C-alpha atoms as a PDB file:
ATOM      1  CA  MET A   1       0.000   0.000   0.000  1.00  0.00           C
ATOM      2  CA  PRO A   2       1.588   3.334  -1.002  1.00  0.00           C
ATOM      3  CA  ILE A   3       2.245   5.802   1.802  1.00  0.00           C
ATOM      4  CA  ILE A   4       0.899   8.649  -0.346  1.00  0.00           C
ATOM      5  CA  LYS A   5      -2.170   7.641  -2.368  1.00  0.00           C
ATOM      6  CA  LYS A   6      -2.748  11.145  -3.765  1.00  0.00           C
ATOM      7  CA  PRO A   7       0.574  12.785  -4.681  1.00  0.00           C
ATOM      8  CA  ASN A   8      -1.180  15.987  -5.751  1.00  0.00           C
ATOM      9  CA  GLN A   9      -1.832  16.721  -2.082  1.00  0.00           C
ATOM     10  CA  HIS A  10       1.921  17.258  -1.643  1.00  0.00           C
ATOM     11  CA  PHE A  11       3.373  18.174  -5.063  1.00  0.00           C
ATOM     12  CA  ASP A  12       1.873  19.514  -8.263  1.00  0.00           C
ATOM     13  CA  ALA A  13       2.666  21.421 -11.439  1.00  0.00           C
ATOM     14  CA  VAL A  14       0.190  24.100 -12.519  1.00  0.00           C
ATOM     15  CA  LEU A  15      -0.206  26.351 -15.562  1.00  0.00           C
ATOM     16  CA  TRP A  16      -1.586  29.864 -16.083  1.00  0.00           C
ATOM     17  CA  THR A  17      -1.572  32.788 -18.478  1.00  0.00           C
ATOM     18  CA  GLY A  18      -0.402  36.140 -17.146  1.00  0.00           C
ATOM     19  CA  ASN A  19      -2.777  39.067 -16.663  1.00  0.00           C
ATOM     20  CA  GLY A  20      -0.298  41.694 -15.423  1.00  0.00           C
ATOM     21  CA  PRO A  21      -0.243  44.422 -14.259  1.00  0.00           C
ATOM     22  CA  SER A  22      -3.094  42.880 -12.244  1.00  0.00           C
ATOM     23  CA  SER A  23      -2.644  40.052  -9.753  1.00  0.00           C
ATOM     24  CA  GLN A  24      -4.366  36.683  -9.923  1.00  0.00           C
ATOM     25  CA  ASN A  25      -5.064  33.713  -7.705  1.00  0.00           C
ATOM     26  CA  ILE A  26      -3.877  30.309  -8.906  1.00  0.00           C
ATOM     27  CA  THR A  27      -6.454  28.033  -7.288  1.00  0.00           C
ATOM     28  CA  SER A  28      -5.976  24.572  -8.796  1.00  0.00           C
ATOM     29  CA  LEU A  29      -3.912  22.985  -5.994  1.00  0.00           C
ATOM     30  CA  ASN A  30      -5.134  20.525  -3.369  1.00  0.00           C
ATOM     31  CA  PHE A  31      -2.829  21.956  -0.695  1.00  0.00           C
ATOM     32  CA  GLN A  32      -1.261  25.168   0.540  1.00  0.00           C
ATOM     33  CA  PRO A  33       2.241  25.281  -0.957  1.00  0.00           C
ATOM     34  CA  ASP A  34       5.404  26.169   0.935  1.00  0.00           C
ATOM     35  CA  LEU A  35       7.680  26.292  -2.114  1.00  0.00           C
ATOM     36  CA  VAL A  36       6.559  27.748  -5.449  1.00  0.00           C
ATOM     37  CA  TRP A  37       9.067  27.652  -8.320  1.00  0.00           C
ATOM     38  CA  VAL A  38       7.820  29.603 -11.354  1.00  0.00           C
ATOM     39  CA  LYS A  39       9.119  29.739 -14.933  1.00  0.00           C
ATOM     40  CA  ASN A  40       7.769  31.690 -17.863  1.00  0.00           C
ATOM     41  CA  ARG A  41       7.264  29.282 -20.734  1.00  0.00           C
ATOM     42  CA  SER A  42       6.798  31.599 -23.701  1.00  0.00           C
ATOM     43  CA  SER A  43       9.716  34.031 -23.436  1.00  0.00           C
ATOM     44  CA  THR A  44      13.186  34.505 -22.007  1.00  0.00           C
ATOM     45  CA  ARG A  45      12.711  35.311 -18.323  1.00  0.00           C
ATOM     46  CA  LYS A  46      14.183  34.317 -14.987  1.00  0.00           C
ATOM     47  CA  HIS A  47      13.163  31.379 -12.865  1.00  0.00           C
ATOM     48  CA  ASN A  48      11.607  32.576  -9.578  1.00  0.00           C
ATOM     49  CA  ALA A  49      11.499  30.682  -6.255  1.00  0.00           C
ATOM     50  CA  TYR A  50       9.388  31.703  -3.242  1.00  0.00           C
ATOM     51  CA  ASP A  51       8.861  29.874   0.032  1.00  0.00           C
ATOM     52  CA  SER A  52       6.761  30.320   3.151  1.00  0.00           C
ATOM     53  CA  VAL A  53       9.716  30.384   5.566  1.00  0.00           C
ATOM     54  CA  ARG A  54      11.463  33.360   3.950  1.00  0.00           C
ATOM     55  CA  GLY A  55       8.056  34.947   3.324  1.00  0.00           C
ATOM     56  CA  THR A  56       5.875  36.155   0.481  1.00  0.00           C
ATOM     57  CA  SER A  57       7.434  38.303  -2.251  1.00  0.00           C
ATOM     58  CA  LYS A  58      10.968  37.229  -1.239  1.00  0.00           C
ATOM     59  CA  ARG A  59      12.460  36.066  -4.529  1.00  0.00           C
ATOM     60  CA  LEU A  60      15.432  33.860  -5.310  1.00  0.00           C
ATOM     61  CA  VAL A  61      16.493  33.077  -8.876  1.00  0.00           C
ATOM     62  CA  PRO A  62      17.520  29.436  -9.484  1.00  0.00           C
ATOM     63  CA  ASP A  63      19.327  30.263 -12.739  1.00  0.00           C
ATOM     64  CA  ASP A  64      21.431  33.042 -11.179  1.00  0.00           C
ATOM     65  CA  VAL A  65      23.741  33.905  -8.277  1.00  0.00           C
ATOM     66  CA  ALA A  66      21.608  36.969  -7.436  1.00  0.00           C
ATOM     67  CA  VAL A  67      20.730  37.655  -3.815  1.00  0.00           C
ATOM     68  CA  GLU A  68      17.205  37.586  -2.432  1.00  0.00           C
ATOM     69  CA  ASP A  69      15.112  40.579  -3.428  1.00  0.00           C
ATOM     70  CA  THR A  70      11.556  41.729  -2.785  1.00  0.00           C
ATOM     71  CA  VAL A  71       9.184  41.859  -5.766  1.00  0.00           C
ATOM     72  CA  ALA A  72       5.456  41.451  -6.371  1.00  0.00           C
ATOM     73  CA  GLY A  73       5.903  37.824  -7.376  1.00  0.00           C
ATOM     74  CA  VAL A  74       4.198  35.210  -5.214  1.00  0.00           C
ATOM     75  CA  THR A  75       2.375  37.510  -2.813  1.00  0.00           C
ATOM     76  CA  ALA A  76       0.349  34.905  -0.865  1.00  0.00           C
ATOM     77  CA  PHE A  77       0.310  31.185  -0.110  1.00  0.00           C
ATOM     78  CA  ASN A  78      -3.347  30.119  -0.053  1.00  0.00           C
ATOM     79  CA  SER A  79      -5.202  26.984   1.024  1.00  0.00           C
ATOM     80  CA  ASN A  80      -5.758  25.920  -2.591  1.00  0.00           C
ATOM     81  CA  GLY A  81      -2.824  27.609  -4.317  1.00  0.00           C
ATOM     82  CA  PHE A  82      -1.084  30.968  -4.354  1.00  0.00           C
ATOM     83  CA  THR A  83      -1.370  34.540  -5.595  1.00  0.00           C
ATOM     84  CA  VAL A  84       0.908  36.074  -8.214  1.00  0.00           C
ATOM     85  CA  GLY A  85       1.371  39.832  -8.362  1.00  0.00           C
ATOM     86  CA  ASP A  86       2.421  42.123 -11.198  1.00  0.00           C
ATOM     87  CA  GLU A  87       6.063  40.936 -11.421  1.00  0.00           C
ATOM     88  CA  GLY A  88       6.625  40.113 -15.091  1.00  0.00           C
ATOM     89  CA  ASP A  89       8.574  36.929 -14.393  1.00  0.00           C
ATOM     90  CA  VAL A  90       5.454  35.348 -12.878  1.00  0.00           C
ATOM     91  CA  ASN A  91       2.485  37.191 -14.424  1.00  0.00           C
ATOM     92  CA  ALA A  92       3.352  39.242 -17.520  1.00  0.00           C
ATOM     93  CA  SER A  93       0.249  39.835 -19.638  1.00  0.00           C
ATOM     94  CA  THR A  94      -0.581  37.088 -22.194  1.00  0.00           C
ATOM     95  CA  LEU A  95       2.571  35.067 -21.429  1.00  0.00           C
ATOM     96  CA  THR A  96       2.297  31.459 -20.253  1.00  0.00           C
ATOM     97  CA  PHE A  97       3.747  30.123 -16.987  1.00  0.00           C
ATOM     98  CA  VAL A  98       4.341  26.916 -15.059  1.00  0.00           C
ATOM     99  CA  GLY A  99       4.584  26.625 -11.277  1.00  0.00           C
ATOM    100  CA  TRP A 100       6.170  23.600  -9.575  1.00  0.00           C
ATOM    101  CA  THR A 101       4.873  23.468  -6.022  1.00  0.00           C
ATOM    102  CA  TRP A 102       5.689  21.490  -2.865  1.00  0.00           C
ATOM    103  CA  LYS A 103       4.016  21.281   0.527  1.00  0.00           C
ATOM    104  CA  ALA A 104       6.231  21.510   3.618  1.00  0.00           C
ATOM    105  CA  GLY A 105       4.744  22.172   7.066  1.00  0.00           C
ATOM    106  CA  GLY A 106       3.535  25.770   7.043  1.00  0.00           C
ATOM    107  CA  ALA A 107       4.948  27.944   9.811  1.00  0.00           C
ATOM    108  CA  SER A 108       8.562  27.124  10.683  1.00  0.00           C
ATOM    109  CA  THR A 109       9.893  26.002  14.051  1.00  0.00           C
ATOM    110  CA  VAL A 110      13.359  26.255  15.574  1.00  0.00           C
ATOM    111  CA  ASN A 111      15.524  23.170  15.104  1.00  0.00           C
ATOM    112  CA  THR A 112      18.631  22.720  17.281  1.00  0.00           C
ATOM    113  CA  SER A 113      19.772  19.300  16.026  1.00  0.00           C
ATOM    114  CA  GLY A 114      22.851  20.765  14.304  1.00  0.00           C
ATOM    115  CA  THR A 115      25.775  22.894  15.405  1.00  0.00           C
ATOM    116  CA  ILE A 116      23.920  25.782  13.743  1.00  0.00           C
ATOM    117  CA  SER A 117      20.340  26.466  14.816  1.00  0.00           C
ATOM    118  CA  SER A 118      17.836  26.495  11.945  1.00  0.00           C
ATOM    119  CA  ASN A 119      14.229  27.374  11.216  1.00  0.00           C
ATOM    120  CA  VAL A 120      12.423  24.470   9.564  1.00  0.00           C
ATOM    121  CA  SER A 121       9.078  23.895   7.871  1.00  0.00           C
ATOM    122  CA  VAL A 122       8.777  20.163   7.234  1.00  0.00           C
ATOM    123  CA  ASN A 123       6.434  17.609   5.708  1.00  0.00           C
ATOM    124  CA  THR A 124       7.808  14.271   6.928  1.00  0.00           C
ATOM    125  CA  THR A 125       5.102  12.296   5.094  1.00  0.00           C
ATOM    126  CA  ALA A 126       6.240  13.570   1.690  1.00  0.00           C
ATOM    127  CA  GLY A 127       9.909  14.053   2.605  1.00  0.00           C
ATOM    128  CA  PHE A 128      10.302  17.795   2.038  1.00  0.00           C
ATOM    129  CA  SER A 129      11.570  20.644   4.215  1.00  0.00           C
ATOM    130  CA  VAL A 130      12.463  24.313   3.855  1.00  0.00           C
ATOM    131  CA  VAL A 131      15.355  25.304   6.106  1.00  0.00           C
ATOM    132  CA  THR A 132      16.825  28.741   6.845  1.00  0.00           C
ATOM    133  CA  TYR A 133      19.972  29.419   8.854  1.00  0.00           C
ATOM    134  CA  THR A 134      22.770  31.913   9.464  1.00  0.00           C
ATOM    135  CA  GLY A 135      26.293  30.702   8.756  1.00  0.00           C
ATOM    136  CA  ASN A 136      29.034  30.632  11.384  1.00  0.00           C
ATOM    137  CA  GLY A 137      32.044  30.100   9.103  1.00  0.00           C
ATOM    138  CA  SER A 138      33.086  26.834  10.759  1.00  0.00           C
ATOM    139  CA  ASN A 139      34.246  23.782   8.861  1.00  0.00           C
ATOM    140  CA  ASN A 140      32.050  20.680   9.190  1.00  0.00           C
ATOM    141  CA  ALA A 141      29.057  22.585  10.598  1.00  0.00           C
ATOM    142  CA  THR A 142      25.689  20.812  10.666  1.00  0.00           C
ATOM    143  CA  ILE A 143      22.112  22.052  10.287  1.00  0.00           C
ATOM    144  CA  GLY A 144      18.907  20.292  11.354  1.00  0.00           C
ATOM    145  CA  HIS A 145      16.528  19.548   8.452  1.00  0.00           C
ATOM    146  CA  GLY A 146      13.613  17.889  10.270  1.00  0.00           C
ATOM    147  CA  LEU A 147      12.933  15.134   7.728  1.00  0.00           C
ATOM    148  CA  GLY A 148      13.535  12.178  10.009  1.00  0.00           C
ATOM    149  CA  ALA A 149      15.243  10.490   7.043  1.00  0.00           C
ATOM    150  CA  THR A 150      18.544  11.124   5.275  1.00  0.00           C
ATOM    151  CA  PRO A 151      18.118  13.667   2.452  1.00  0.00           C
ATOM    152  CA  ALA A 152      18.326  12.371  -1.104  1.00  0.00           C
ATOM    153  CA  MET A 153      18.667  15.852  -2.656  1.00  0.00           C
ATOM    154  CA  ILE A 154      19.471  19.309  -1.263  1.00  0.00           C
ATOM    155  CA  PHE A 155      19.616  22.767  -2.870  1.00  0.00           C
ATOM    156  CA  ILE A 156      21.322  25.551  -0.883  1.00  0.00           C
ATOM    157  CA  LYS A 157      21.395  29.298  -1.674  1.00  0.00           C
ATOM    158  CA  ARG A 158      22.944  32.231   0.138  1.00  0.00           C
ATOM    159  CA  ARG A 159      20.374  35.025   0.389  1.00  0.00           C
ATOM    160  CA  ASP A 160      21.972  38.204   1.780  1.00  0.00           C
ATOM    161  CA  SER A 161      23.384  41.302   0.099  1.00  0.00           C
ATOM    162  CA  GLY A 162      26.999  41.282  -0.957  1.00  0.00           C
ATOM    163  CA  SER A 163      26.716  37.635  -1.972  1.00  0.00           C
ATOM    164  CA  THR A 164      27.182  36.235  -5.456  1.00  0.00           C
ATOM    165  CA  SER A 165      26.875  32.613  -4.401  1.00  0.00           C
ATOM    166  CA  SER A 166      25.721  29.804  -6.651  1.00  0.00           C
ATOM    167  CA  TRP A 167      23.236  27.033  -5.793  1.00  0.00           C
ATOM    168  CA  PRO A 168      25.156  23.951  -4.547  1.00  0.00           C
ATOM    169  CA  VAL A 169      23.304  20.691  -5.151  1.00  0.00           C
ATOM    170  CA  TRP A 170      23.702  17.490  -3.140  1.00  0.00           C
ATOM    171  CA  HIS A 171      22.353  14.288  -4.692  1.00  0.00           C
ATOM    172  CA  LYS A 172      22.270  10.823  -3.126  1.00  0.00           C
ATOM    173  CA  THR A 173      24.148   9.264  -6.057  1.00  0.00           C
ATOM    174  CA  TYR A 174      27.400  11.106  -5.315  1.00  0.00           C
ATOM    175  CA  THR A 175      30.058   8.551  -4.456  1.00  0.00           C
ATOM    176  CA  LEU A 176      32.350  11.029  -2.675  1.00  0.00           C
ATOM    177  CA  ASN A 177      31.643  13.897  -0.272  1.00  0.00           C
ATOM    178  CA  THR A 178      33.942  16.063  -2.419  1.00  0.00           C
ATOM    179  CA  GLN A 179      31.428  16.031  -5.297  1.00  0.00           C
ATOM    180  CA  TYR A 180      28.918  18.737  -6.138  1.00  0.00           C
ATOM    181  CA  LEU A 181      26.854  20.273  -8.918  1.00  0.00           C
ATOM    182  CA  LEU A 182      25.436  23.794  -9.197  1.00  0.00           C
ATOM    183  CA  LEU A 183      21.785  24.312 -10.106  1.00  0.00           C
ATOM    184  CA  ASP A 184      22.581  27.584 -11.887  1.00  0.00           C
ATOM    185  CA  GLU A 185      25.247  26.047 -14.164  1.00  0.00           C
ATOM    186  CA  GLY A 186      25.287  23.340 -16.810  1.00  0.00           C
ATOM    187  CA  MET A 187      28.548  21.930 -15.487  1.00  0.00           C
ATOM    188  CA  THR A 188      30.065  18.482 -15.183  1.00  0.00           C
ATOM    189  CA  ILE A 189      30.219  17.044 -11.697  1.00  0.00           C
ATOM    190  CA  ALA A 190      33.056  18.754  -9.839  1.00  0.00           C
ATOM    191  CA  THR A 191      35.106  18.139  -6.711  1.00  0.00           C
ATOM    192  CA  TYR A 192      36.379  20.417  -3.963  1.00  0.00           C
ATOM    193  CA  SER A 193      38.131  19.306  -0.801  1.00  0.00           C
ATOM    194  CA  THR A 194      35.419  17.966   1.533  1.00  0.00           C
ATOM    195  CA  TYR A 195      32.498  19.864   0.026  1.00  0.00           C
ATOM    196  CA  TRP A 196      29.980  17.962   2.160  1.00  0.00           C
ATOM    197  CA  GLY A 197      30.144  15.953   5.350  1.00  0.00           C
ATOM    198  CA  THR A 198      27.987  12.896   5.969  1.00  0.00           C
ATOM    199  CA  HIS A 199      24.296  13.779   6.035  1.00  0.00           C
ATOM    200  CA  SER A 200      22.036  11.949   8.466  1.00  0.00           C
ATOM    201  CA  SER A 201      18.372  11.542   9.306  1.00  0.00           C
ATOM    202  CA  SER A 202      18.624  14.682  11.445  1.00  0.00           C
ATOM    203  CA  VAL A 203      21.250  17.013   9.914  1.00  0.00           C
ATOM    204  CA  ILE A 204      22.830  18.366   6.745  1.00  0.00           C
ATOM    205  CA  SER A 205      26.620  18.277   7.044  1.00  0.00           C
ATOM    206  CA  LEU A 206      28.323  21.183   5.271  1.00  0.00           C
ATOM    207  CA  GLY A 207      31.900  19.963   5.085  1.00  0.00           C
ATOM    208  CA  THR A 208      34.591  22.552   4.336  1.00  0.00           C
ATOM    209  CA  ALA A 209      33.106  24.499   1.383  1.00  0.00           C
ATOM    210  CA  VAL A 210      32.474  27.440   3.694  1.00  0.00           C
ATOM    211  CA  GLY A 211      32.206  30.068   0.957  1.00  0.00           C
ATOM    212  CA  GLU A 212      29.159  28.497  -0.689  1.00  0.00           C
ATOM    213  CA  ASP A 213      27.076  27.347   2.263  1.00  0.00           C
ATOM    214  CA  ASN A 214      28.452  28.624   5.576  1.00  0.00           C
ATOM    215  CA  THR A 215      30.028  32.077   5.385  1.00  0.00           C
ATOM    216  CA  ASN A 216      30.075  33.651   8.830  1.00  0.00           C
ATOM    217  CA  GLY A 217      26.996  35.864   9.140  1.00  0.00           C
ATOM    218  CA  GLY A 218      25.619  34.853   5.734  1.00  0.00           C
ATOM    219  CA  THR A 219      21.933  33.974   5.557  1.00  0.00           C
ATOM    220  CA  TYR A 220      20.893  30.820   3.685  1.00  0.00           C
ATOM    221  CA  VAL A 221      17.972  28.701   2.600  1.00  0.00           C
ATOM    222  CA  ALA A 222      18.099  24.958   1.962  1.00  0.00           C
ATOM    223  CA  TYR A 223      15.438  22.913   0.187  1.00  0.00           C
ATOM    224  CA  CYS A 224      15.690  19.271   1.287  1.00  0.00           C
ATOM    225  CA  TRP A 225      14.017  16.137  -0.049  1.00  0.00           C
ATOM    226  CA  SER A 226      14.112  12.553   1.205  1.00  0.00           C
ATOM    227  CA  GLU A 227      12.854   9.633  -0.848  1.00  0.00           C
ATOM    228  CA  VAL A 228       9.321   8.334  -0.222  1.00  0.00           C
ATOM    229  CA  GLU A 229       8.366   5.045  -1.848  1.00  0.00           C
ATOM    230  CA  GLY A 230       5.645   5.466  -4.448  1.00  0.00           C
ATOM    231  CA  TYR A 231       5.894   9.264  -4.388  1.00  0.00           C
ATOM    232  CA  SER A 232       9.484  10.399  -5.051  1.00  0.00           C
ATOM    233  CA  LYS A 233      12.595   8.847  -6.541  1.00  0.00           C
ATOM    234  CA  PHE A 234      16.180  10.124  -6.732  1.00  0.00           C
ATOM    235  CA  GLY A 235      18.751   8.134  -8.643  1.00  0.00           C
ATOM    236  CA  SER A 236      20.905   7.825 -11.730  1.00  0.00           C
ATOM    237  CA  TYR A 237      21.137   5.777 -14.888  1.00  0.00           C
ATOM    238  CA  THR A 238      23.811   5.256 -17.537  1.00  0.00           C
ATOM    239  CA  GLY A 239      23.045   6.442 -21.052  1.00  0.00           C
ATOM    240  CA  ASN A 240      23.413   3.928 -23.879  1.00  0.00           C
ATOM    241  CA  GLY A 241      23.228   6.245 -26.902  1.00  0.00           C
ATOM    242  CA  VAL A 242      20.732   3.917 -28.626  1.00  0.00           C
ATOM    243  CA  ASN A 243      18.188   5.755 -30.734  1.00  0.00           C
ATOM    244  CA  GLY A 244      14.604   4.899 -29.758  1.00  0.00           C
ATOM    245  CA  ASN A 245      15.655   2.474 -27.040  1.00  0.00           C
ATOM    246  CA  GLY A 246      17.411   4.299 -24.237  1.00  0.00           C
ATOM    247  CA  PRO A 247      17.336   3.188 -20.606  1.00  0.00           C
ATOM    248  CA  PHE A 248      14.135   2.436 -18.748  1.00  0.00           C
ATOM    249  CA  VAL A 249      14.142   3.741 -15.158  1.00  0.00           C
ATOM    250  CA  TYR A 250      11.782   2.197 -12.619  1.00  0.00           C
ATOM    251  CA  CYS A 251      10.314   4.692 -10.154  1.00  0.00           C
ATOM    252  CA  GLY A 252       7.400   2.751  -8.674  1.00  0.00           C
ATOM    253  CA  PHE A 253       4.985   5.419  -9.861  1.00  0.00           C
ATOM    254  CA  LYS A 254       3.783   7.346 -12.891  1.00  0.00           C
ATOM    255  CA  PRO A 255       5.872  10.539 -12.926  1.00  0.00           C
ATOM    256  CA  LYS A 256       4.404  14.021 -12.919  1.00  0.00           C
ATOM    257  CA  PHE A 257       7.801  15.775 -12.916  1.00  0.00           C
ATOM    258  CA  VAL A 258      11.352  14.647 -13.653  1.00  0.00           C
ATOM    259  CA  MET A 259      14.503  16.761 -13.489  1.00  0.00           C
ATOM    260  CA  PHE A 260      17.635  15.413 -15.206  1.00  0.00           C
ATOM    261  CA  LYS A 261      21.350  16.317 -15.273  1.00  0.00           C
ATOM    262  CA  ASN A 262      24.071  14.602 -17.279  1.00  0.00           C
ATOM    263  CA  THR A 263      26.971  14.714 -14.804  1.00  0.00           C
ATOM    264  CA  ALA A 264      29.629  13.893 -17.416  1.00  0.00           C
ATOM    265  CA  THR A 265      29.012  16.775 -19.835  1.00  0.00           C
ATOM    266  CA  THR A 266      28.442  20.535 -19.752  1.00  0.00           C
ATOM    267  CA  GLN A 267      24.814  20.168 -20.777  1.00  0.00           C
ATOM    268  CA  ASN A 268      21.867  21.980 -19.248  1.00  0.00           C
ATOM    269  CA  TRP A 269      19.685  20.656 -16.475  1.00  0.00           C
ATOM    270  CA  ILE A 270      16.347  19.495 -17.952  1.00  0.00           C
ATOM    271  CA  ILE A 271      12.843  19.596 -16.405  1.00  0.00           C
ATOM    272  CA  MET A 272       9.881  17.777 -17.961  1.00  0.00           C
ATOM    273  CA  ASP A 273       6.365  17.479 -16.540  1.00  0.00           C
ATOM    274  CA  THR A 274       2.944  16.217 -17.554  1.00  0.00           C
ATOM    275  CA  ALA A 275       1.216  19.546 -16.968  1.00  0.00           C
ATOM    276  CA  ARG A 276       2.989  21.046 -19.980  1.00  0.00           C
ATOM    277  CA  ASP A 277       3.417  17.885 -22.050  1.00  0.00           C
ATOM    278  CA  THR A 278       0.300  15.771 -21.754  1.00  0.00           C
ATOM    279  CA  LYS A 279       1.147  12.751 -23.886  1.00  0.00           C
ATOM    280  CA  ASN A 280       4.082  10.596 -24.967  1.00  0.00           C
ATOM    281  CA  LYS A 281       6.438  11.140 -26.608  1.00  0.00           C
ATOM    282  CA  MET A 282       7.425  14.040 -24.336  1.00  0.00           C
ATOM    283  CA  THR A 283       9.610  16.641 -26.027  1.00  0.00           C
ATOM    284  CA  GLN A 284       8.926  19.899 -24.112  1.00  0.00           C
ATOM    285  CA  TRP A 285      11.477  20.978 -21.531  1.00  0.00           C
ATOM    286  CA  LEU A 286      12.757  23.873 -19.486  1.00  0.00           C
ATOM    287  CA  SER A 287      16.246  24.346 -18.136  1.00  0.00           C
ATOM    288  CA  PRO A 288      16.761  25.451 -14.489  1.00  0.00           C
ATOM    289  CA  ASN A 289      20.167  26.984 -15.263  1.00  0.00           C
ATOM    290  CA  THR A 290      19.018  29.258 -18.105  1.00  0.00           C
ATOM    291  CA  THR A 291      16.395  31.944 -18.672  1.00  0.00           C
ATOM    292  CA  GLY A 292      15.371  30.312 -21.948  1.00  0.00           C
ATOM    293  CA  ALA A 293      11.767  29.827 -22.984  1.00  0.00           C
ATOM    294  CA  GLU A 294      10.240  26.363 -23.185  1.00  0.00           C
ATOM    295  CA  TYR A 295      11.876  24.223 -25.829  1.00  0.00           C
ATOM    296  CA  THR A 296      10.219  21.579 -27.978  1.00  0.00           C
ATOM    297  CA  ASP A 297      12.962  19.317 -29.233  1.00  0.00           C
ATOM    298  CA  SER A 298      12.717  15.825 -30.716  1.00  0.00           C
ATOM    299  CA  ASN A 299      16.288  15.247 -29.516  1.00  0.00           C
ATOM    300  CA  ILE A 300      14.932  15.354 -25.941  1.00  0.00           C
ATOM    301  CA  ASP A 301      12.453  12.495 -26.141  1.00  0.00           C
ATOM    302  CA  VAL A 302      11.045  10.627 -23.112  1.00  0.00           C
ATOM    303  CA  ASP A 303       8.012   8.446 -22.348  1.00  0.00           C
ATOM    304  CA  PHE A 304       6.466   8.789 -18.878  1.00  0.00           C
ATOM    305  CA  LEU A 305       5.034   5.367 -18.020  1.00  0.00           C
ATOM    306  CA  SER A 306       2.849   3.903 -15.269  1.00  0.00           C
ATOM    307  CA  ASN A 307       5.919   2.743 -13.304  1.00  0.00           C
ATOM    308  CA  GLY A 308       8.758   5.022 -14.401  1.00  0.00           C
ATOM    309  CA  PHE A 309      10.187   6.597 -17.540  1.00  0.00           C
ATOM    310  CA  LYS A 310      11.822   5.459 -20.766  1.00  0.00           C
ATOM    311  CA  ILE A 311      14.495   7.462 -22.590  1.00  0.00           C
ATOM    312  CA  ARG A 312      13.918   7.370 -26.338  1.00  0.00           C
ATOM    313  CA  THR A 313      16.472   9.778 -27.801  1.00  0.00           C
ATOM    314  CA  SER A 314      20.087   9.020 -28.678  1.00  0.00           C
ATOM    315  CA  ILE A 315      20.979  12.402 -30.141  1.00  0.00           C
ATOM    316  CA  GLY A 316      20.455  14.565 -27.089  1.00  0.00           C
ATOM    317  CA  THR A 317      23.361  13.785 -24.758  1.00  0.00           C
ATOM    318  CA  GLU A 318      21.503  15.643 -21.997  1.00  0.00           C
ATOM    319  CA  LEU A 319      19.442  12.479 -21.426  1.00  0.00           C
ATOM    320  CA  ASN A 320      21.250   9.612 -23.154  1.00  0.00           C
ATOM    321  CA  GLY A 321      24.940  10.312 -23.675  1.00  0.00           C
ATOM    322  CA  ASN A 322      26.586   6.943 -24.244  1.00  0.00           C
ATOM    323  CA  GLY A 323      28.258   5.794 -21.023  1.00  0.00           C
ATOM    324  CA  ASN A 324      27.315   9.003 -19.194  1.00  0.00           C
ATOM    325  CA  ALA A 325      25.849   9.037 -15.692  1.00  0.00           C
ATOM    326  CA  ILE A 326      22.590  11.043 -15.644  1.00  0.00           C
ATOM    327  CA  ILE A 327      21.061  11.880 -12.270  1.00  0.00           C
ATOM    328  CA  PHE A 328      17.360  12.529 -11.821  1.00  0.00           C
ATOM    329  CA  ALA A 329      14.718  13.640  -9.330  1.00  0.00           C
ATOM    330  CA  ALA A 330      11.163  12.422  -9.963  1.00  0.00           C
ATOM    331  CA  PHE A 331       7.815  13.136  -8.285  1.00  0.00           C
ATOM    332  CA  ALA A 332       4.642  11.124  -8.787  1.00  0.00           C
ATOM    333  CA  GLU A 333       1.404  11.815 -10.580  1.00  0.00           C
ATOM    334  CA  SER A 334       0.023   8.547  -9.217  1.00  0.00           C
ATOM    335  CA  PRO A 335       1.468   5.441  -7.501  1.00  0.00           C
ATOM    336  CA  PHE A 336       2.050   2.423  -9.741  1.00  0.00           C
ATOM    337  CA  LYS A 337      -0.855   0.551  -8.103  1.00  0.00           C
ATOM    338  CA  TYR A 338      -3.282   3.269  -9.241  1.00  0.00           C
ATOM    339  CA  ALA A 339      -1.541   4.477 -12.418  1.00  0.00           C
ATOM    340  CA  ASN A 340      -2.906   4.278 -15.933  1.00  0.00           C
ATOM    341  CA  ALA A 341      -0.703   4.180 -18.997  1.00  0.00           C
ATOM    342  CA  ARG A 342      -0.452   7.363 -21.081  1.00  0.00           C
END
């Protein structure tokens, strides 16, 4: 029996058309979101990320090193969705948008599990937390995340003025604690000293990469996910370069959203979802590390199935470079037991 029978009570992807300079309520969710990640689909504009712990209208830009600013972006988190204001990146008139949304735990609480105190909003059922903290500049510092399970993926971003910090990404498939990727760059997997320590069911361990995630006095946010059977899956596969018959990846559910990164090449991150692309073969994608509009590309070709996904392309090395390790993060539309084929 799946733990989460209705994934859309914890994660969903929603679409709208902008009506700026007015505001509008996006009301199609079955939960009150704590993280809303917005991308304009029809033109070149920034990604925008808003969360309930930092507060409404506090923007971070996943494709950029920019610090947190205050704009009329997501101006409210509501019981059935959220409100977008007149900020063009989330509501420009006649342009089309997608919002990827996750439920944490609403109001944050203080967590003292780590050597640095944190404020945490957590949804242990769905394995997601939003964490804020102030750095102390110490090597091997730890921060409580509240999940009750070891994180499978973490994004961290420094928020305060004077910072030009990237978005370090931890993923469970790393074989060494020196390895990292950056969400805002289409880089190969890189190494630096002891970038991370050993994460646990209670804390994130920051290792010795102090400049990116623990500058003394710097303010940070971390988005943390743990794996939940039948709802989320974090892993990797090896591309085979075979046209029409790339790897099949079992998730245990029908995906709603999958994010990919080829760790062996300087290709873009790729996000695909069934809100924007409603039938197989799926060829529409957005890139978290660029401002580019939505692409439709037959070289990026995937089938979302009742129990996972199947890579079809051989030309696009982003998803099927021969011998390349491609990491992914997937969230469910429905558990395998209840899924229908597309």
